[in-house]
Amino acid sequence: MPYSEAQSCLRSLRDWFEAEFADPNGLRPHCVLEIRFSDEDDIWLSPSYGQKTCWIGIMQYRYVDGPPFFRRLPPRPPHELKKISIKRPYNFNVPYRLLFERFERTVIRYKGRPHWAKAHGLRPDTLSVLYPKFESFRDLLDLYDPEGMFRNEYVSRHIFGATGPRFDARVFKARQ
């Protein structure tokens, strides 16, 4: 988001988290906020295009039962993986999809632009307002890839607004 919006956005995020914890049925977010700043740049689809930027990222952790060296073990066959249980922080089940959706809604109010390597649910109508050169970028894609040979579901959904079962609003890994 623009640097000038950072303080207001961070206050809104704090208020939202406090409201969730005060509500007996709240989300109980247990997450890390990554906050950093960068100078403006001239890259069309960069969140820092034409503005000093505050980057705010949110990460929701999951904990895995098992020995401390679990992550260093070689891959296990599927039947052994069922023996490993996933635990949430403080035994609270945090619905991370809802957490991320609410985070996104808050940040967008402050002109937050998504990082292209992060999951988000924004479509061309919103992205074209947030990124001043969005339409120019899309025109270049049409010019150099008119048949869409190099497009994937992400580009088709977020840049070109494709809809339907193949291009649904899914932005997270498929449920298993």
N, C-alpha and C. Protein backbone atom coordinates (compact mmCIF):
# COMPACT_ATOMS: atom_id res chain seq x y z
N MET A 1 0.85 -1.17 0.00
CA MET A 1 0.00 0.00 0.00
C MET A 1 0.89 1.23 0.00
N PRO A 2 0.35 2.37 -0.37
CA PRO A 2 1.16 3.58 -0.29
C PRO A 2 1.66 3.79 1.14
N TYR A 3 2.89 4.23 1.24
CA TYR A 3 3.49 4.49 2.54
C TYR A 3 2.59 5.38 3.39
N SER A 4 1.95 6.34 2.76
CA SER A 4 1.10 7.29 3.49
C SER A 4 -0.11 6.62 4.15
N GLU A 5 -0.48 5.43 3.71
CA GLU A 5 -1.63 4.71 4.26
C GLU A 5 -1.23 3.68 5.34
N ALA A 6 0.06 3.47 5.53
CA ALA A 6 0.54 2.39 6.39
C ALA A 6 0.04 2.49 7.84
N GLN A 7 0.17 3.64 8.44
CA GLN A 7 -0.22 3.79 9.84
C GLN A 7 -1.71 3.51 10.04
N SER A 8 -2.54 4.04 9.17
CA SER A 8 -3.98 3.81 9.29
C SER A 8 -4.32 2.34 9.07
N CYS A 9 -3.69 1.72 8.12
CA CYS A 9 -3.96 0.31 7.85
C CYS A 9 -3.53 -0.56 9.03
N LEU A 10 -2.36 -0.30 9.58
CA LEU A 10 -1.89 -1.09 10.73
C LEU A 10 -2.82 -0.91 11.93
N ARG A 11 -3.34 0.27 12.13
CA ARG A 11 -4.31 0.48 13.21
C ARG A 11 -5.59 -0.32 12.96
N SER A 12 -6.04 -0.35 11.72
CA SER A 12 -7.24 -1.14 11.38
C SER A 12 -6.99 -2.63 11.60
N LEU A 13 -5.81 -3.09 11.22
CA LEU A 13 -5.49 -4.51 11.45
C LEU A 13 -5.46 -4.82 12.94
N ARG A 14 -4.87 -3.93 13.74
CA ARG A 14 -4.85 -4.13 15.19
C ARG A 14 -6.27 -4.16 15.75
N ASP A 15 -7.11 -3.24 15.31
CA ASP A 15 -8.50 -3.20 15.79
C ASP A 15 -9.24 -4.47 15.40
N TRP A 16 -9.02 -4.94 14.19
CA TRP A 16 -9.66 -6.17 13.73
C TRP A 16 -9.21 -7.36 14.59
N PHE A 17 -7.91 -7.49 14.82
CA PHE A 17 -7.41 -8.60 15.64
C PHE A 17 -7.99 -8.53 17.06
N GLU A 18 -8.01 -7.33 17.64
CA GLU A 18 -8.55 -7.18 18.99
C GLU A 18 -10.02 -7.57 19.03
N ALA A 19 -10.77 -7.21 18.00
CA ALA A 19 -12.19 -7.58 17.94
C ALA A 19 -12.35 -9.10 17.82
N GLU A 20 -11.50 -9.74 17.06
CA GLU A 20 -11.57 -11.21 16.92
C GLU A 20 -11.30 -11.88 18.27
N PHE A 21 -10.32 -11.39 19.00
CA PHE A 21 -10.00 -11.99 20.30
C PHE A 21 -11.07 -11.70 21.34
N ALA A 22 -11.73 -10.54 21.24
CA ALA A 22 -12.78 -10.19 22.20
C ALA A 22 -14.06 -10.99 21.96
N ASP A 23 -14.27 -11.44 20.75
CA ASP A 23 -15.47 -12.20 20.39
C ASP A 23 -15.27 -13.67 20.78
N PRO A 24 -16.14 -14.25 21.62
CA PRO A 24 -15.98 -15.66 22.00
C PRO A 24 -15.98 -16.61 20.81
N ASN A 25 -16.57 -16.18 19.69
CA ASN A 25 -16.57 -17.01 18.48
C ASN A 25 -15.65 -16.45 17.40
N GLY A 26 -14.72 -15.58 17.79
CA GLY A 26 -13.82 -14.95 16.82
C GLY A 26 -12.83 -15.94 16.22
N LEU A 27 -12.06 -15.47 15.26
CA LEU A 27 -11.13 -16.32 14.52
C LEU A 27 -9.93 -16.79 15.32
N ARG A 28 -9.53 -16.09 16.34
CA ARG A 28 -8.34 -16.42 17.10
C ARG A 28 -7.09 -16.45 16.22
N PRO A 29 -6.83 -15.36 15.49
CA PRO A 29 -5.65 -15.38 14.63
C PRO A 29 -4.38 -15.54 15.45
N HIS A 30 -3.54 -16.42 15.01
CA HIS A 30 -2.22 -16.62 15.60
C HIS A 30 -1.28 -16.61 14.41
N CYS A 31 -0.85 -15.42 14.05
CA CYS A 31 -0.11 -15.29 12.81
C CYS A 31 0.97 -14.23 12.95
N VAL A 32 1.83 -14.24 11.99
CA VAL A 32 2.91 -13.26 11.93
C VAL A 32 2.56 -12.22 10.88
N LEU A 33 2.78 -10.96 11.21
CA LEU A 33 2.69 -9.90 10.22
C LEU A 33 4.11 -9.52 9.84
N GLU A 34 4.38 -9.56 8.56
CA GLU A 34 5.66 -9.11 8.06
C GLU A 34 5.44 -7.70 7.53
N ILE A 35 6.22 -6.75 8.02
CA ILE A 35 6.07 -5.37 7.60
C ILE A 35 7.43 -4.88 7.11
N ARG A 36 7.43 -4.34 5.90
CA ARG A 36 8.66 -3.77 5.36
C ARG A 36 8.31 -2.61 4.45
N PHE A 37 9.32 -1.85 4.08
CA PHE A 37 9.11 -0.66 3.27
C PHE A 37 10.05 -0.67 2.09
N SER A 38 9.61 -0.07 0.99
CA SER A 38 10.48 0.06 -0.18
C SER A 38 10.20 1.38 -0.88
N ASP A 39 11.18 1.80 -1.65
CA ASP A 39 11.03 3.03 -2.43
C ASP A 39 10.20 2.72 -3.67
N GLU A 40 9.77 3.74 -4.35
CA GLU A 40 8.99 3.54 -5.56
C GLU A 40 9.87 2.96 -6.66
N ASP A 41 9.22 2.31 -7.64
CA ASP A 41 9.93 1.80 -8.80
C ASP A 41 9.09 2.07 -10.05
N ASP A 42 9.59 1.63 -11.20
CA ASP A 42 8.88 1.88 -12.46
C ASP A 42 8.43 0.59 -13.14
N ILE A 43 8.28 -0.47 -12.39
CA ILE A 43 7.85 -1.77 -12.93
C ILE A 43 6.32 -1.80 -12.88
N TRP A 44 5.69 -1.95 -14.02
CA TRP A 44 4.25 -1.76 -14.16
C TRP A 44 3.40 -2.50 -13.14
N LEU A 45 3.66 -3.76 -12.91
CA LEU A 45 2.83 -4.53 -11.98
C LEU A 45 3.50 -4.75 -10.62
N SER A 46 4.43 -3.92 -10.29
CA SER A 46 5.05 -3.97 -8.97
C SER A 46 4.14 -3.25 -7.98
N PRO A 47 3.97 -3.79 -6.78
CA PRO A 47 3.22 -3.04 -5.76
C PRO A 47 3.83 -1.67 -5.46
N SER A 48 5.11 -1.49 -5.78
CA SER A 48 5.79 -0.21 -5.54
C SER A 48 5.79 0.70 -6.75
N TYR A 49 5.05 0.35 -7.80
CA TYR A 49 5.05 1.19 -9.00
C TYR A 49 4.57 2.60 -8.65
N GLY A 50 5.47 3.57 -8.85
CA GLY A 50 5.11 4.98 -8.68
C GLY A 50 4.84 5.44 -7.27
N GLN A 51 5.18 4.64 -6.26
CA GLN A 51 4.88 5.06 -4.89
C GLN A 51 5.81 4.40 -3.89
N LYS A 52 6.14 5.15 -2.84
CA LYS A 52 6.83 4.53 -1.70
C LYS A 52 5.81 3.57 -1.09
N THR A 53 6.27 2.40 -0.69
CA THR A 53 5.34 1.33 -0.35
C THR A 53 5.60 0.72 1.01
N CYS A 54 4.52 0.41 1.69
CA CYS A 54 4.56 -0.42 2.89
C CYS A 54 4.02 -1.79 2.49
N TRP A 55 4.82 -2.80 2.72
CA TRP A 55 4.42 -4.18 2.43
C TRP A 55 3.97 -4.82 3.74
N ILE A 56 2.79 -5.37 3.76
CA ILE A 56 2.30 -6.09 4.94
C ILE A 56 1.88 -7.47 4.47
N GLY A 57 2.53 -8.46 5.01
CA GLY A 57 2.20 -9.84 4.68
C GLY A 57 1.72 -10.56 5.92
N ILE A 58 0.88 -11.54 5.74
CA ILE A 58 0.34 -12.31 6.86
C ILE A 58 0.65 -13.78 6.61
N MET A 59 1.09 -14.46 7.65
CA MET A 59 1.40 -15.89 7.55
C MET A 59 0.72 -16.63 8.69
N GLN A 60 0.00 -17.68 8.36
CA GLN A 60 -0.67 -18.51 9.36
C GLN A 60 0.11 -19.81 9.47
N TYR A 61 0.55 -20.12 10.66
CA TYR A 61 1.34 -21.32 10.88
C TYR A 61 0.49 -22.52 11.27
N ARG A 62 0.98 -23.68 10.89
CA ARG A 62 0.42 -24.95 11.33
C ARG A 62 1.56 -25.71 11.99
N TYR A 63 1.24 -26.43 13.04
CA TYR A 63 2.26 -27.20 13.74
C TYR A 63 2.01 -28.68 13.51
N VAL A 64 3.09 -29.43 13.46
CA VAL A 64 3.00 -30.86 13.20
C VAL A 64 3.53 -31.62 14.40
N ASP A 65 2.74 -32.61 14.86
CA ASP A 65 3.22 -33.50 15.90
C ASP A 65 4.35 -34.35 15.36
N GLY A 66 5.24 -34.73 16.20
CA GLY A 66 6.31 -35.61 15.77
C GLY A 66 7.60 -35.16 16.40
N PRO A 67 8.67 -35.91 16.14
CA PRO A 67 9.96 -35.55 16.73
C PRO A 67 10.45 -34.20 16.21
N PRO A 68 11.31 -33.51 16.97
CA PRO A 68 11.79 -32.19 16.55
C PRO A 68 12.49 -32.21 15.20
N PHE A 69 13.04 -33.34 14.85
CA PHE A 69 13.77 -33.44 13.59
C PHE A 69 12.86 -33.87 12.44
N PHE A 70 11.53 -33.82 12.65
CA PHE A 70 10.57 -34.31 11.68
C PHE A 70 10.82 -33.78 10.27
N ARG A 71 11.09 -32.50 10.16
CA ARG A 71 11.24 -31.89 8.84
C ARG A 71 12.48 -32.40 8.11
N ARG A 72 13.43 -32.98 8.82
CA ARG A 72 14.65 -33.48 8.18
C ARG A 72 14.55 -34.95 7.79
N LEU A 73 13.43 -35.58 8.11
CA LEU A 73 13.27 -36.99 7.78
C LEU A 73 13.03 -37.16 6.28
N PRO A 74 13.43 -38.30 5.73
CA PRO A 74 13.13 -38.54 4.32
C PRO A 74 11.62 -38.67 4.11
N PRO A 75 11.15 -38.50 2.88
CA PRO A 75 9.72 -38.63 2.61
C PRO A 75 9.18 -39.96 3.11
N ARG A 76 7.95 -39.94 3.61
CA ARG A 76 7.33 -41.14 4.15
C ARG A 76 6.23 -41.63 3.21
N PRO A 77 5.96 -42.93 3.21
CA PRO A 77 4.84 -43.44 2.41
C PRO A 77 3.52 -42.93 2.97
N PRO A 78 2.49 -42.81 2.12
CA PRO A 78 1.20 -42.24 2.56
C PRO A 78 0.61 -42.90 3.80
N HIS A 79 0.74 -44.21 3.94
CA HIS A 79 0.13 -44.86 5.10
C HIS A 79 0.78 -44.43 6.40
N GLU A 80 2.04 -44.01 6.38
CA GLU A 80 2.70 -43.53 7.59
C GLU A 80 2.33 -42.08 7.89
N LEU A 81 2.02 -41.32 6.86
CA LEU A 81 1.67 -39.91 7.08
C LEU A 81 0.39 -39.76 7.88
N LYS A 82 -0.49 -40.74 7.82
CA LYS A 82 -1.74 -40.66 8.58
C LYS A 82 -1.49 -40.68 10.08
N LYS A 83 -0.31 -41.13 10.50
CA LYS A 83 0.02 -41.18 11.92
C LYS A 83 0.45 -39.81 12.46
N ILE A 84 0.69 -38.87 11.58
CA ILE A 84 1.14 -37.54 11.97
C ILE A 84 -0.08 -36.63 12.08
N SER A 85 -0.23 -35.96 13.20
CA SER A 85 -1.39 -35.09 13.35
C SER A 85 -0.97 -33.63 13.23
N ILE A 86 -1.85 -32.85 12.65
CA ILE A 86 -1.63 -31.41 12.52
C ILE A 86 -2.28 -30.73 13.72
N LYS A 87 -1.54 -29.86 14.38
CA LYS A 87 -2.09 -29.10 15.51
C LYS A 87 -2.09 -27.62 15.16
N ARG A 88 -3.08 -26.95 15.62
CA ARG A 88 -3.17 -25.51 15.47
C ARG A 88 -2.58 -24.86 16.71
N PRO A 89 -2.15 -23.62 16.60
CA PRO A 89 -1.61 -22.92 17.76
C PRO A 89 -2.62 -22.90 18.91
N TYR A 90 -2.16 -23.26 20.06
CA TYR A 90 -2.98 -23.26 21.27
C TYR A 90 -4.25 -24.10 21.11
N ASN A 91 -4.20 -25.07 20.22
CA ASN A 91 -5.32 -25.96 19.92
C ASN A 91 -6.54 -25.23 19.38
N PHE A 92 -6.37 -24.04 18.85
CA PHE A 92 -7.46 -23.33 18.18
C PHE A 92 -7.41 -23.67 16.70
N ASN A 93 -8.53 -24.01 16.14
CA ASN A 93 -8.62 -24.22 14.72
C ASN A 93 -8.87 -22.87 14.06
N VAL A 94 -7.90 -22.37 13.34
CA VAL A 94 -8.03 -21.08 12.69
C VAL A 94 -8.41 -21.30 11.23
N PRO A 95 -9.60 -20.89 10.83
CA PRO A 95 -9.98 -21.04 9.42
C PRO A 95 -9.20 -20.05 8.56
N TYR A 96 -8.05 -20.51 8.06
CA TYR A 96 -7.11 -19.60 7.41
C TYR A 96 -7.68 -18.94 6.17
N ARG A 97 -8.56 -19.59 5.45
CA ARG A 97 -9.13 -18.95 4.26
C ARG A 97 -9.92 -17.70 4.65
N LEU A 98 -10.72 -17.82 5.69
CA LEU A 98 -11.48 -16.66 6.17
C LEU A 98 -10.54 -15.59 6.72
N LEU A 99 -9.51 -16.01 7.43
CA LEU A 99 -8.52 -15.08 7.96
C LEU A 99 -7.89 -14.27 6.81
N PHE A 100 -7.48 -14.95 5.75
CA PHE A 100 -6.85 -14.27 4.62
C PHE A 100 -7.85 -13.37 3.89
N GLU A 101 -9.09 -13.81 3.76
CA GLU A 101 -10.10 -12.97 3.09
C GLU A 101 -10.33 -11.67 3.86
N ARG A 102 -10.42 -11.77 5.18
CA ARG A 102 -10.64 -10.57 6.00
C ARG A 102 -9.42 -9.66 5.97
N PHE A 103 -8.24 -10.26 5.98
CA PHE A 103 -7.01 -9.47 5.87
C PHE A 103 -7.00 -8.71 4.54
N GLU A 104 -7.33 -9.41 3.46
CA GLU A 104 -7.34 -8.79 2.14
C GLU A 104 -8.33 -7.63 2.08
N ARG A 105 -9.52 -7.82 2.62
CA ARG A 105 -10.52 -6.75 2.62
C ARG A 105 -10.01 -5.51 3.36
N THR A 106 -9.32 -5.72 4.46
CA THR A 106 -8.79 -4.59 5.24
C THR A 106 -7.72 -3.86 4.45
N VAL A 107 -6.77 -4.59 3.89
CA VAL A 107 -5.65 -3.96 3.19
C VAL A 107 -6.12 -3.24 1.93
N ILE A 108 -7.10 -3.78 1.23
CA ILE A 108 -7.60 -3.16 0.00
C ILE A 108 -8.21 -1.78 0.30
N ARG A 109 -8.81 -1.63 1.48
CA ARG A 109 -9.38 -0.32 1.84
C ARG A 109 -8.32 0.78 1.84
N TYR A 110 -7.06 0.38 2.01
CA TYR A 110 -5.96 1.35 2.06
C TYR A 110 -5.11 1.30 0.78
N LYS A 111 -5.75 0.87 -0.31
CA LYS A 111 -5.11 0.83 -1.64
C LYS A 111 -3.95 -0.16 -1.69
N GLY A 112 -4.05 -1.22 -0.89
CA GLY A 112 -3.02 -2.26 -0.92
C GLY A 112 -3.04 -3.02 -2.23
N ARG A 113 -1.88 -3.21 -2.81
CA ARG A 113 -1.72 -3.98 -4.04
C ARG A 113 -1.17 -5.36 -3.70
N PRO A 114 -1.76 -6.41 -4.23
CA PRO A 114 -1.26 -7.74 -3.87
C PRO A 114 0.10 -8.03 -4.48
N HIS A 115 0.87 -8.82 -3.78
CA HIS A 115 2.12 -9.36 -4.30
C HIS A 115 1.72 -10.50 -5.22
N TRP A 116 2.28 -10.56 -6.41
CA TRP A 116 1.85 -11.52 -7.42
C TRP A 116 2.21 -12.97 -7.06
N ALA A 117 3.08 -13.16 -6.11
CA ALA A 117 3.42 -14.54 -5.71
C ALA A 117 2.58 -15.00 -4.52
N LYS A 118 1.65 -14.18 -4.09
CA LYS A 118 0.81 -14.52 -2.95
C LYS A 118 -0.62 -14.81 -3.41
N ALA A 119 -1.29 -15.63 -2.65
CA ALA A 119 -2.69 -15.95 -2.96
C ALA A 119 -3.55 -14.72 -2.70
N HIS A 120 -4.47 -14.46 -3.62
CA HIS A 120 -5.43 -13.38 -3.44
C HIS A 120 -6.64 -13.65 -4.32
N GLY A 121 -7.72 -12.96 -4.03
CA GLY A 121 -8.95 -13.18 -4.77
C GLY A 121 -9.34 -12.03 -5.68
N LEU A 122 -8.42 -11.13 -5.97
CA LEU A 122 -8.77 -9.95 -6.75
C LEU A 122 -8.86 -10.26 -8.24
N ARG A 123 -9.76 -9.54 -8.89
CA ARG A 123 -10.01 -9.71 -10.33
C ARG A 123 -9.64 -8.43 -11.07
N PRO A 124 -9.66 -8.47 -12.41
CA PRO A 124 -9.22 -7.31 -13.20
C PRO A 124 -9.91 -5.99 -12.87
N ASP A 125 -11.19 -6.04 -12.50
CA ASP A 125 -11.88 -4.77 -12.20
C ASP A 125 -11.23 -4.03 -11.04
N THR A 126 -10.82 -4.76 -10.01
CA THR A 126 -10.14 -4.15 -8.86
C THR A 126 -8.67 -3.89 -9.16
N LEU A 127 -8.02 -4.86 -9.78
CA LEU A 127 -6.58 -4.73 -10.06
C LEU A 127 -6.29 -3.56 -11.00
N SER A 128 -7.18 -3.29 -11.94
CA SER A 128 -6.94 -2.18 -12.87
C SER A 128 -7.01 -0.83 -12.17
N VAL A 129 -7.72 -0.76 -11.06
CA VAL A 129 -7.77 0.48 -10.26
C VAL A 129 -6.50 0.61 -9.42
N LEU A 130 -6.02 -0.51 -8.89
CA LEU A 130 -4.84 -0.49 -8.01
C LEU A 130 -3.53 -0.31 -8.77
N TYR A 131 -3.45 -0.87 -9.97
CA TYR A 131 -2.23 -0.82 -10.77
C TYR A 131 -2.47 0.10 -11.99
N PRO A 132 -1.88 1.29 -12.00
CA PRO A 132 -2.15 2.24 -13.08
C PRO A 132 -1.82 1.72 -14.48
N LYS A 133 -0.87 0.82 -14.62
CA LYS A 133 -0.47 0.30 -15.94
C LYS A 133 -1.04 -1.10 -16.21
N PHE A 134 -2.05 -1.48 -15.46
CA PHE A 134 -2.62 -2.83 -15.61
C PHE A 134 -3.13 -3.06 -17.04
N GLU A 135 -3.89 -2.14 -17.57
CA GLU A 135 -4.45 -2.31 -18.92
C GLU A 135 -3.34 -2.33 -19.97
N SER A 136 -2.31 -1.53 -19.79
CA SER A 136 -1.18 -1.54 -20.73
C SER A 136 -0.47 -2.89 -20.69
N PHE A 137 -0.33 -3.44 -19.51
CA PHE A 137 0.30 -4.76 -19.38
C PHE A 137 -0.56 -5.82 -20.09
N ARG A 138 -1.85 -5.76 -19.86
CA ARG A 138 -2.74 -6.72 -20.51
C ARG A 138 -2.69 -6.58 -22.04
N ASP A 139 -2.61 -5.35 -22.53
CA ASP A 139 -2.48 -5.13 -23.97
C ASP A 139 -1.20 -5.78 -24.51
N LEU A 140 -0.11 -5.68 -23.75
CA LEU A 140 1.14 -6.32 -24.18
C LEU A 140 1.00 -7.84 -24.23
N LEU A 141 0.34 -8.39 -23.24
CA LEU A 141 0.12 -9.85 -23.26
C LEU A 141 -0.68 -10.25 -24.49
N ASP A 142 -1.71 -9.49 -24.80
CA ASP A 142 -2.51 -9.78 -26.00
C ASP A 142 -1.68 -9.65 -27.28
N LEU A 143 -0.81 -8.66 -27.32
CA LEU A 143 0.01 -8.43 -28.50
C LEU A 143 1.02 -9.56 -28.72
N TYR A 144 1.73 -9.95 -27.64
CA TYR A 144 2.81 -10.93 -27.79
C TYR A 144 2.38 -12.38 -27.57
N ASP A 145 1.21 -12.58 -27.04
CA ASP A 145 0.70 -13.94 -26.85
C ASP A 145 -0.80 -13.95 -27.18
N PRO A 146 -1.15 -13.65 -28.44
CA PRO A 146 -2.57 -13.51 -28.80
C PRO A 146 -3.38 -14.80 -28.63
N GLU A 147 -2.74 -15.95 -28.73
CA GLU A 147 -3.45 -17.23 -28.58
C GLU A 147 -3.48 -17.69 -27.13
N GLY A 148 -2.79 -16.99 -26.24
CA GLY A 148 -2.78 -17.37 -24.82
C GLY A 148 -1.97 -18.62 -24.52
N MET A 149 -0.99 -18.93 -25.36
CA MET A 149 -0.19 -20.14 -25.18
C MET A 149 0.54 -20.16 -23.84
N PHE A 150 0.97 -19.01 -23.36
CA PHE A 150 1.76 -18.97 -22.13
C PHE A 150 0.93 -18.58 -20.90
N ARG A 151 -0.36 -18.57 -21.03
CA ARG A 151 -1.23 -18.24 -19.89
C ARG A 151 -1.51 -19.49 -19.07
N ASN A 152 -1.60 -19.29 -17.79
CA ASN A 152 -2.04 -20.35 -16.91
C ASN A 152 -3.35 -19.91 -16.24
N GLU A 153 -3.87 -20.72 -15.34
CA GLU A 153 -5.14 -20.37 -14.68
C GLU A 153 -5.04 -19.07 -13.90
N TYR A 154 -3.90 -18.86 -13.26
CA TYR A 154 -3.71 -17.65 -12.46
C TYR A 154 -3.80 -16.40 -13.34
N VAL A 155 -3.05 -16.39 -14.44
CA VAL A 155 -3.06 -15.24 -15.34
C VAL A 155 -4.45 -15.07 -15.98
N SER A 156 -5.03 -16.17 -16.39
CA SER A 156 -6.36 -16.10 -17.01
C SER A 156 -7.39 -15.53 -16.04
N ARG A 157 -7.32 -15.93 -14.77
CA ARG A 157 -8.28 -15.49 -13.75
C ARG A 157 -8.03 -14.04 -13.35
N HIS A 158 -6.79 -13.72 -12.96
CA HIS A 158 -6.51 -12.41 -12.37
C HIS A 158 -6.24 -11.31 -13.38
N ILE A 159 -5.66 -11.64 -14.51
CA ILE A 159 -5.34 -10.61 -15.50
C ILE A 159 -6.46 -10.46 -16.53
N PHE A 160 -7.03 -11.61 -16.97
CA PHE A 160 -8.03 -11.55 -18.03
C PHE A 160 -9.46 -11.78 -17.54
N GLY A 161 -9.63 -12.12 -16.26
CA GLY A 161 -10.97 -12.23 -15.70
C GLY A 161 -11.75 -13.47 -16.11
N ALA A 162 -11.04 -14.53 -16.51
CA ALA A 162 -11.73 -15.76 -16.90
C ALA A 162 -12.55 -16.30 -15.73
N THR A 163 -13.71 -16.87 -16.04
CA THR A 163 -14.58 -17.45 -15.02
C THR A 163 -14.95 -18.86 -15.43
N GLY A 164 -15.62 -19.56 -14.55
CA GLY A 164 -16.06 -20.92 -14.82
C GLY A 164 -15.31 -21.91 -13.96
N PRO A 165 -15.68 -23.17 -14.05
CA PRO A 165 -15.08 -24.19 -13.17
C PRO A 165 -13.56 -24.23 -13.20
N ARG A 166 -12.99 -24.03 -14.38
CA ARG A 166 -11.53 -24.08 -14.49
C ARG A 166 -10.86 -22.84 -13.92
N PHE A 167 -11.60 -21.76 -13.84
CA PHE A 167 -11.04 -20.48 -13.40
C PHE A 167 -11.79 -19.92 -12.21
N ASP A 168 -12.24 -20.79 -11.33
CA ASP A 168 -13.01 -20.32 -10.19
C ASP A 168 -12.17 -19.44 -9.29
N ALA A 169 -12.74 -19.02 -8.20
CA ALA A 169 -12.05 -18.09 -7.30
C ALA A 169 -11.01 -18.77 -6.43
N ARG A 170 -10.70 -20.03 -6.71
CA ARG A 170 -9.72 -20.74 -5.89
C ARG A 170 -8.37 -20.04 -5.95
N VAL A 171 -7.85 -19.74 -4.79
CA VAL A 171 -6.52 -19.14 -4.72
C VAL A 171 -5.63 -19.88 -3.74
N PHE A 172 -6.16 -20.92 -3.11
CA PHE A 172 -5.41 -21.71 -2.17
C PHE A 172 -5.21 -23.11 -2.73
N LYS A 173 -4.36 -23.87 -2.08
CA LYS A 173 -4.16 -25.25 -2.50
C LYS A 173 -5.48 -26.01 -2.37
N ALA A 174 -5.65 -26.99 -3.23
CA ALA A 174 -6.86 -27.81 -3.17
C ALA A 174 -6.91 -28.56 -1.84
N ARG A 175 -8.08 -28.71 -1.32
CA ARG A 175 -8.25 -29.45 -0.07
C ARG A 175 -8.00 -30.92 -0.32
N GLN A 176 -7.41 -31.58 0.67
CA GLN A 176 -7.15 -33.01 0.53
C GLN A 176 -8.03 -33.81 1.44
